[in-house]
PDB file of N, CA and C in Angstrom:
ATOM      1  N   MET A   1       0.844  -1.172   0.000  1.00  0.00           N
ATOM      2  CA  MET A   1       0.000   0.000   0.000  1.00  0.00           C
ATOM      3  C   MET A   1       0.890   1.236   0.000  1.00  0.00           C
ATOM      4  N   ALA A   2       0.484   2.251  -0.710  1.00  0.00           N
ATOM      5  CA  ALA A   2       1.245   3.493  -0.770  1.00  0.00           C
ATOM      6  C   ALA A   2       1.167   4.218   0.566  1.00  0.00           C
ATOM      7  N   GLU A   3       2.257   4.883   0.902  1.00  0.00           N
ATOM      8  CA  GLU A   3       2.299   5.612   2.168  1.00  0.00           C
ATOM      9  C   GLU A   3       2.482   7.089   1.888  1.00  0.00           C
ATOM     10  N   PHE A   4       1.511   7.885   2.350  1.00  0.00           N
ATOM     11  CA  PHE A   4       1.532   9.323   2.141  1.00  0.00           C
ATOM     12  C   PHE A   4       1.362  10.037   3.469  1.00  0.00           C
ATOM     13  N   CYS A   5       2.029  11.188   3.609  1.00  0.00           N
ATOM     14  CA  CYS A   5       1.791  12.019   4.775  1.00  0.00           C
ATOM     15  C   CYS A   5       0.415  12.655   4.613  1.00  0.00           C
ATOM     16  N   PHE A   6      -0.099  13.225   5.670  1.00  0.00           N
ATOM     17  CA  PHE A   6      -1.444  13.795   5.637  1.00  0.00           C
ATOM     18  C   PHE A   6      -1.558  14.896   4.585  1.00  0.00           C
ATOM     19  N   ASP A   7      -0.552  15.771   4.491  1.00  0.00           N
ATOM     20  CA  ASP A   7      -0.589  16.870   3.521  1.00  0.00           C
ATOM     21  C   ASP A   7      -0.638  16.359   2.081  1.00  0.00           C
ATOM     22  N   CYS A   8       0.182  15.378   1.782  1.00  0.00           N
ATOM     23  CA  CYS A   8       0.201  14.825   0.421  1.00  0.00           C
ATOM     24  C   CYS A   8      -1.095  14.090   0.097  1.00  0.00           C
ATOM     25  N   LEU A   9      -1.692  13.432   1.090  1.00  0.00           N
ATOM     26  CA  LEU A   9      -2.963  12.747   0.865  1.00  0.00           C
ATOM     27  C   LEU A   9      -4.041  13.756   0.481  1.00  0.00           C
ATOM     28  N   GLN A  10      -4.073  14.893   1.174  1.00  0.00           N
ATOM     29  CA  GLN A  10      -5.050  15.932   0.848  1.00  0.00           C
ATOM     30  C   GLN A  10      -4.841  16.463  -0.569  1.00  0.00           C
ATOM     31  N   LYS A  11      -3.579  16.684  -0.941  1.00  0.00           N
ATOM     32  CA  LYS A  11      -3.277  17.178  -2.291  1.00  0.00           C
ATOM     33  C   LYS A  11      -3.666  16.145  -3.344  1.00  0.00           C
ATOM     34  N   LEU A  12      -3.360  14.896  -3.066  1.00  0.00           N
ATOM     35  CA  LEU A  12      -3.645  13.819  -4.000  1.00  0.00           C
ATOM     36  C   LEU A  12      -5.150  13.666  -4.233  1.00  0.00           C
ATOM     37  N   ASP A  13      -5.924  13.716  -3.149  1.00  0.00           N
ATOM     38  CA  ASP A  13      -7.366  13.538  -3.249  1.00  0.00           C
ATOM     39  C   ASP A  13      -8.092  14.834  -3.593  1.00  0.00           C
ATOM     40  N   GLY A  14      -7.427  15.968  -3.407  1.00  0.00           N
ATOM     41  CA  GLY A  14      -8.066  17.256  -3.670  1.00  0.00           C
ATOM     42  C   GLY A  14      -9.148  17.579  -2.655  1.00  0.00           C
ATOM     43  N   CYS A  15      -8.997  17.092  -1.420  1.00  0.00           N
ATOM     44  CA  CYS A  15      -9.989  17.303  -0.370  1.00  0.00           C
ATOM     45  C   CYS A  15      -9.335  17.942   0.845  1.00  0.00           C
ATOM     46  N   LEU A  16     -10.152  18.619   1.638  1.00  0.00           N
ATOM     47  CA  LEU A  16      -9.691  19.144   2.919  1.00  0.00           C
ATOM     48  C   LEU A  16     -10.210  18.216   4.010  1.00  0.00           C
ATOM     49  N   TYR A  17      -9.349  17.301   4.448  1.00  0.00           N
ATOM     50  CA  TYR A  17      -9.729  16.335   5.466  1.00  0.00           C
ATOM     51  C   TYR A  17      -9.460  16.890   6.862  1.00  0.00           C
ATOM     52  N   ASP A  18     -10.116  16.306   7.835  1.00  0.00           N
ATOM     53  CA  ASP A  18      -9.841  16.579   9.237  1.00  0.00           C
ATOM     54  C   ASP A  18      -8.850  15.507   9.705  1.00  0.00           C
ATOM     55  N   PRO A  19      -7.728  15.905  10.282  1.00  0.00           N
ATOM     56  CA  PRO A  19      -6.749  14.896  10.730  1.00  0.00           C
ATOM     57  C   PRO A  19      -7.324  13.894  11.725  1.00  0.00           C
ATOM     58  N   LYS A  20      -8.370  14.280  12.454  1.00  0.00           N
ATOM     59  CA  LYS A  20      -8.985  13.372  13.428  1.00  0.00           C
ATOM     60  C   LYS A  20      -9.667  12.183  12.757  1.00  0.00           C
ATOM     61  N   ASP A  21      -9.902  12.286  11.449  1.00  0.00           N
ATOM     62  CA  ASP A  21     -10.565  11.208  10.719  1.00  0.00           C
ATOM     63  C   ASP A  21      -9.604  10.097  10.293  1.00  0.00           C
ATOM     64  N   PHE A  22      -8.323  10.246  10.622  1.00  0.00           N
ATOM     65  CA  PHE A  22      -7.315   9.285  10.193  1.00  0.00           C
ATOM     66  C   PHE A  22      -6.469   8.821  11.365  1.00  0.00           C
ATOM     67  N   ILE A  23      -5.946   7.622  11.244  1.00  0.00           N
ATOM     68  CA  ILE A  23      -4.937   7.126  12.175  1.00  0.00           C
ATOM     69  C   ILE A  23      -3.596   7.374  11.506  1.00  0.00           C
ATOM     70  N   ILE A  24      -2.720   8.088  12.202  1.00  0.00           N
ATOM     71  CA  ILE A  24      -1.412   8.474  11.680  1.00  0.00           C
ATOM     72  C   ILE A  24      -0.338   7.619  12.359  1.00  0.00           C
ATOM     73  N   SER A  25       0.700   7.266  11.636  1.00  0.00           N
ATOM     74  CA  SER A  25       1.753   6.410  12.168  1.00  0.00           C
ATOM     75  C   SER A  25       2.477   7.071  13.342  1.00  0.00           C
ATOM     76  N   ASP A  26       2.947   6.245  14.265  1.00  0.00           N
ATOM     77  CA  ASP A  26       3.737   6.742  15.395  1.00  0.00           C
ATOM     78  C   ASP A  26       5.164   7.049  14.954  1.00  0.00           C
ATOM     79  N   ASP A  27       5.677   6.243  14.035  1.00  0.00           N
ATOM     80  CA  ASP A  27       7.056   6.390  13.581  1.00  0.00           C
ATOM     81  C   ASP A  27       7.110   7.148  12.259  1.00  0.00           C
ATOM     82  N   LEU A  28       8.264   7.704  11.981  1.00  0.00           N
ATOM     83  CA  LEU A  28       8.468   8.379  10.705  1.00  0.00           C
ATOM     84  C   LEU A  28       8.618   7.340   9.603  1.00  0.00           C
ATOM     85  N   ASP A  29       8.113   7.679   8.437  1.00  0.00           N
ATOM     86  CA  ASP A  29       8.226   6.810   7.274  1.00  0.00           C
ATOM     87  C   ASP A  29       8.429   7.695   6.057  1.00  0.00           C
ATOM     88  N   LEU A  30       8.908   7.121   4.995  1.00  0.00           N
ATOM     89  CA  LEU A  30       9.156   7.883   3.781  1.00  0.00           C
ATOM     90  C   LEU A  30       7.847   8.099   3.031  1.00  0.00           C
ATOM     91  N   CYS A  31       7.432   9.371   2.901  1.00  0.00           N
ATOM     92  CA  CYS A  31       6.209   9.701   2.178  1.00  0.00           C
ATOM     93  C   CYS A  31       6.480   9.543   0.689  1.00  0.00           C
ATOM     94  N   GLU A  32       5.599   8.829   0.010  1.00  0.00           N
ATOM     95  CA  GLU A  32       5.763   8.597  -1.424  1.00  0.00           C
ATOM     96  C   GLU A  32       5.332   9.793  -2.257  1.00  0.00           C
ATOM     97  N   GLY A  33       4.730  10.791  -1.599  1.00  0.00           N
ATOM     98  CA  GLY A  33       4.322  11.995  -2.313  1.00  0.00           C
ATOM     99  C   GLY A  33       5.428  13.033  -2.364  1.00  0.00           C
ATOM    100  N   CYS A  34       5.926  13.425  -1.184  1.00  0.00           N
ATOM    101  CA  CYS A  34       6.932  14.489  -1.109  1.00  0.00           C
ATOM    102  C   CYS A  34       8.352  13.958  -0.937  1.00  0.00           C
ATOM    103  N   GLY A  35       8.495  12.676  -0.624  1.00  0.00           N
ATOM    104  CA  GLY A  35       9.814  12.088  -0.474  1.00  0.00           C
ATOM    105  C   GLY A  35      10.513  12.439   0.832  1.00  0.00           C
ATOM    106  N   GLU A  36       9.764  12.990   1.793  1.00  0.00           N
ATOM    107  CA  GLU A  36      10.339  13.352   3.087  1.00  0.00           C
ATOM    108  C   GLU A  36       9.953  12.316   4.138  1.00  0.00           C
ATOM    109  N   TRP A  37      10.774  12.260   5.210  1.00  0.00           N
ATOM    110  CA  TRP A  37      10.480  11.362   6.317  1.00  0.00           C
ATOM    111  C   TRP A  37       9.466  12.060   7.213  1.00  0.00           C
ATOM    112  N   LYS A  38       8.244  11.526   7.250  1.00  0.00           N
ATOM    113  CA  LYS A  38       7.159  12.117   8.023  1.00  0.00           C
ATOM    114  C   LYS A  38       6.289  11.014   8.613  1.00  0.00           C
ATOM    115  N   HIS A  39       5.375  11.422   9.486  1.00  0.00           N
ATOM    116  CA  HIS A  39       4.338  10.499   9.946  1.00  0.00           C
ATOM    117  C   HIS A  39       3.361  10.333   8.792  1.00  0.00           C
ATOM    118  N   VAL A  40       3.009   9.114   8.484  1.00  0.00           N
ATOM    119  CA  VAL A  40       2.149   8.841   7.335  1.00  0.00           C
ATOM    120  C   VAL A  40       0.788   8.347   7.795  1.00  0.00           C
ATOM    121  N   VAL A  41      -0.185   8.451   6.897  1.00  0.00           N
ATOM    122  CA  VAL A  41      -1.536   7.982   7.179  1.00  0.00           C
ATOM    123  C   VAL A  41      -1.542   6.456   7.144  1.00  0.00           C
ATOM    124  N   VAL A  42      -2.053   5.862   8.195  1.00  0.00           N
ATOM    125  CA  VAL A  42      -2.141   4.403   8.268  1.00  0.00           C
ATOM    126  C   VAL A  42      -3.480   3.949   7.695  1.00  0.00           C
ATOM    127  N   VAL A  43      -4.564   4.551   8.172  1.00  0.00           N
ATOM    128  CA  VAL A  43      -5.902   4.160   7.735  1.00  0.00           C
ATOM    129  C   VAL A  43      -6.888   5.271   8.099  1.00  0.00           C
ATOM    130  N   ARG A  44      -7.977   5.347   7.348  1.00  0.00           N
ATOM    131  CA  ARG A  44      -9.051   6.287   7.684  1.00  0.00           C
ATOM    132  C   ARG A  44      -9.939   5.627   8.729  1.00  0.00           C
ATOM    133  N   ARG A  45     -10.320   6.392   9.722  1.00  0.00           N
ATOM    134  CA  ARG A  45     -11.207   5.857  10.761  1.00  0.00           C
ATOM    135  C   ARG A  45     -12.551   5.486  10.139  1.00  0.00           C
ATOM    136  N   SER A  46     -13.189   4.466  10.679  1.00  0.00           N
ATOM    137  CA  SER A  46     -14.436   3.996  10.098  1.00  0.00           C
ATOM    138  C   SER A  46     -15.577   4.980  10.323  1.00  0.00           C
ATOM    139  N   VAL A  47     -15.576   5.702  11.430  1.00  0.00           N
ATOM    140  CA  VAL A  47     -16.609   6.693  11.707  1.00  0.00           C
ATOM    141  C   VAL A  47     -15.915   8.004  12.051  1.00  0.00           C
ATOM    142  N   SER A  48     -16.129   9.001  11.234  1.00  0.00           N
ATOM    143  CA  SER A  48     -15.529  10.299  11.523  1.00  0.00           C
ATOM    144  C   SER A  48     -16.412  11.050  12.506  1.00  0.00           C
ATOM    145  N   HIS A  49     -15.809  11.917  13.281  1.00  0.00           N
ATOM    146  CA  HIS A  49     -16.546  12.700  14.260  1.00  0.00           C
ATOM    147  C   HIS A  49     -17.571  13.591  13.561  1.00  0.00           C
ATOM    148  N   LEU A  50     -17.175  14.240  12.505  1.00  0.00           N
ATOM    149  CA  LEU A  50     -18.059  15.134  11.773  1.00  0.00           C
ATOM    150  C   LEU A  50     -19.175  14.353  11.091  1.00  0.00           C
ATOM    151  N   GLY A  51     -18.844  13.207  10.541  1.00  0.00           N
ATOM    152  CA  GLY A  51     -19.847  12.372   9.890  1.00  0.00           C
ATOM    153  C   GLY A  51     -20.907  11.900  10.867  1.00  0.00           C
ATOM    154  N   LEU A  52     -20.483  11.548  12.076  1.00  0.00           N
ATOM    155  CA  LEU A  52     -21.424  11.096  13.098  1.00  0.00           C
ATOM    156  C   LEU A  52     -22.360  12.233  13.492  1.00  0.00           C
ATOM    157  N   LEU A  53     -21.830  13.452  13.598  1.00  0.00           N
ATOM    158  CA  LEU A  53     -22.684  14.602  13.914  1.00  0.00           C
ATOM    159  C   LEU A  53     -23.709  14.839  12.814  1.00  0.00           C
ATOM    160  N   GLY A  54     -23.314  14.670  11.578  1.00  0.00           N
ATOM    161  CA  GLY A  54     -24.236  14.835  10.457  1.00  0.00           C
ATOM    162  C   GLY A  54     -25.365  13.828  10.498  1.00  0.00           C
ATOM    163  N   VAL A  55     -25.046  12.594  10.806  1.00  0.00           N
ATOM    164  CA  VAL A  55     -26.060  11.538  10.904  1.00  0.00           C
ATOM    165  C   VAL A  55     -27.037  11.856  12.032  1.00  0.00           C
ATOM    166  N   LEU A  56     -26.510  12.290  13.182  1.00  0.00           N
ATOM    167  CA  LEU A  56     -27.376  12.638  14.304  1.00  0.00           C
ATOM    168  C   LEU A  56     -28.267  13.830  13.971  1.00  0.00           C
ATOM    169  N   SER A  57     -27.709  14.808  13.295  1.00  0.00           N
ATOM    170  CA  SER A  57     -28.471  15.989  12.896  1.00  0.00           C
ATOM    171  C   SER A  57     -29.624  15.598  11.968  1.00  0.00           C
ATOM    172  N   ASP A  58     -29.339  14.758  10.982  1.00  0.00           N
ATOM    173  CA  ASP A  58     -30.378  14.302  10.055  1.00  0.00           C
ATOM    174  C   ASP A  58     -31.477  13.525  10.787  1.00  0.00           C
ATOM    175  N   ALA A  59     -31.081  12.697  11.750  1.00  0.00           N
ATOM    176  CA  ALA A  59     -32.060  11.916  12.509  1.00  0.00           C
ATOM    177  C   ALA A  59     -32.956  12.830  13.334  1.00  0.00           C
ATOM    178  N   LEU A  60     -32.372  13.858  13.941  1.00  0.00           N
ATOM    179  CA  LEU A  60     -33.170  14.790  14.732  1.00  0.00           C
ATOM    180  C   LEU A  60     -34.143  15.584  13.850  1.00  0.00           C
ATOM    181  N   LYS A  61     -33.718  15.957  12.653  1.00  0.00           N
ATOM    182  CA  LYS A  61     -34.606  16.668  11.731  1.00  0.00           C
ATOM    183  C   LYS A  61     -35.777  15.780  11.335  1.00  0.00           C
ATOM    184  N   SER A  62     -35.511  14.522  11.056  1.00  0.00           N
ATOM    185  CA  SER A  62     -36.587  13.584  10.689  1.00  0.00           C
ATOM    186  C   SER A  62     -37.550  13.396  11.848  1.00  0.00           C
ATOM    187  N   LEU A  63     -37.019  13.210  13.029  1.00  0.00           N
ATOM    188  CA  LEU A  63     -37.853  13.025  14.217  1.00  0.00           C
ATOM    189  C   LEU A  63     -38.714  14.258  14.460  1.00  0.00           C
ATOM    190  N   SER A  64     -38.121  15.430  14.295  1.00  0.00           N
ATOM    191  CA  SER A  64     -38.861  16.681  14.460  1.00  0.00           C
ATOM    192  C   SER A  64     -40.018  16.762  13.459  1.00  0.00           C
ATOM    193  N   GLY A  65     -39.773  16.371  12.214  1.00  0.00           N
ATOM    194  CA  GLY A  65     -40.822  16.370  11.194  1.00  0.00           C
ATOM    195  C   GLY A  65     -41.952  15.418  11.533  1.00  0.00           C
ATOM    196  N   TRP A  66     -41.619  14.242  12.020  1.00  0.00           N
ATOM    197  CA  TRP A  66     -42.641  13.266  12.393  1.00  0.00           C
ATOM    198  C   TRP A  66     -43.490  13.787  13.547  1.00  0.00           C
ATOM    199  N   ILE A  67     -42.842  14.396  14.523  1.00  0.00           N
ATOM    200  CA  ILE A  67     -43.575  14.908  15.692  1.00  0.00           C
ATOM    201  C   ILE A  67     -44.538  16.009  15.241  1.00  0.00           C
ATOM    202  N   LYS A  68     -44.110  16.886  14.343  1.00  0.00           N
ATOM    203  CA  LYS A  68     -44.982  17.953  13.839  1.00  0.00           C
ATOM    204  C   LYS A  68     -46.187  17.362  13.121  1.00  0.00           C
ATOM    205  N   GLN A  69     -45.981  16.314  12.345  1.00  0.00           N
ATOM    206  CA  GLN A  69     -47.083  15.674  11.615  1.00  0.00           C
ATOM    207  C   GLN A  69     -48.064  15.032  12.593  1.00  0.00           C
ATOM    208  N   ILE A  70     -47.570  14.413  13.630  1.00  0.00           N
ATOM    209  CA  ILE A  70     -48.437  13.749  14.611  1.00  0.00           C
ATOM    210  C   ILE A  70     -49.263  14.786  15.367  1.00  0.00           C
ATOM    211  N   ILE A  71     -48.622  15.887  15.761  1.00  0.00           N
ATOM    212  CA  ILE A  71     -49.312  16.926  16.521  1.00  0.00           C
ATOM    213  C   ILE A  71     -50.368  17.622  15.667  1.00  0.00           C
ATOM    214  N   SER A  72     -50.025  17.915  14.404  1.00  0.00           N
ATOM    215  CA  SER A  72     -50.966  18.640  13.547  1.00  0.00           C
ATOM    216  C   SER A  72     -52.086  17.734  13.024  1.00  0.00           C
ATOM    217  N   GLY A  73     -51.926  16.459  13.194  1.00  0.00           N
ATOM    218  CA  GLY A  73     -52.982  15.527  12.855  1.00  0.00           C
ATOM    219  C   GLY A  73     -52.993  15.109  11.470  1.00  0.00           C
TER     220      GLY A  73
END
């Protein structure tokens, strides 16, 4: 598997990621993007903090809509 530092991963994917969404290596490794010895991304976390908030927000909006429908009859 290719090993990229967090900065190079963002450039490669063209996205602005939150570092909390990834597990980063404890040791330095050679980044295949910039060629420097840095901490590299090991894996993306299965549930991101921001993603979980979005899911909860959507659920609350749905619940709110259902309650309004029940009350209004």
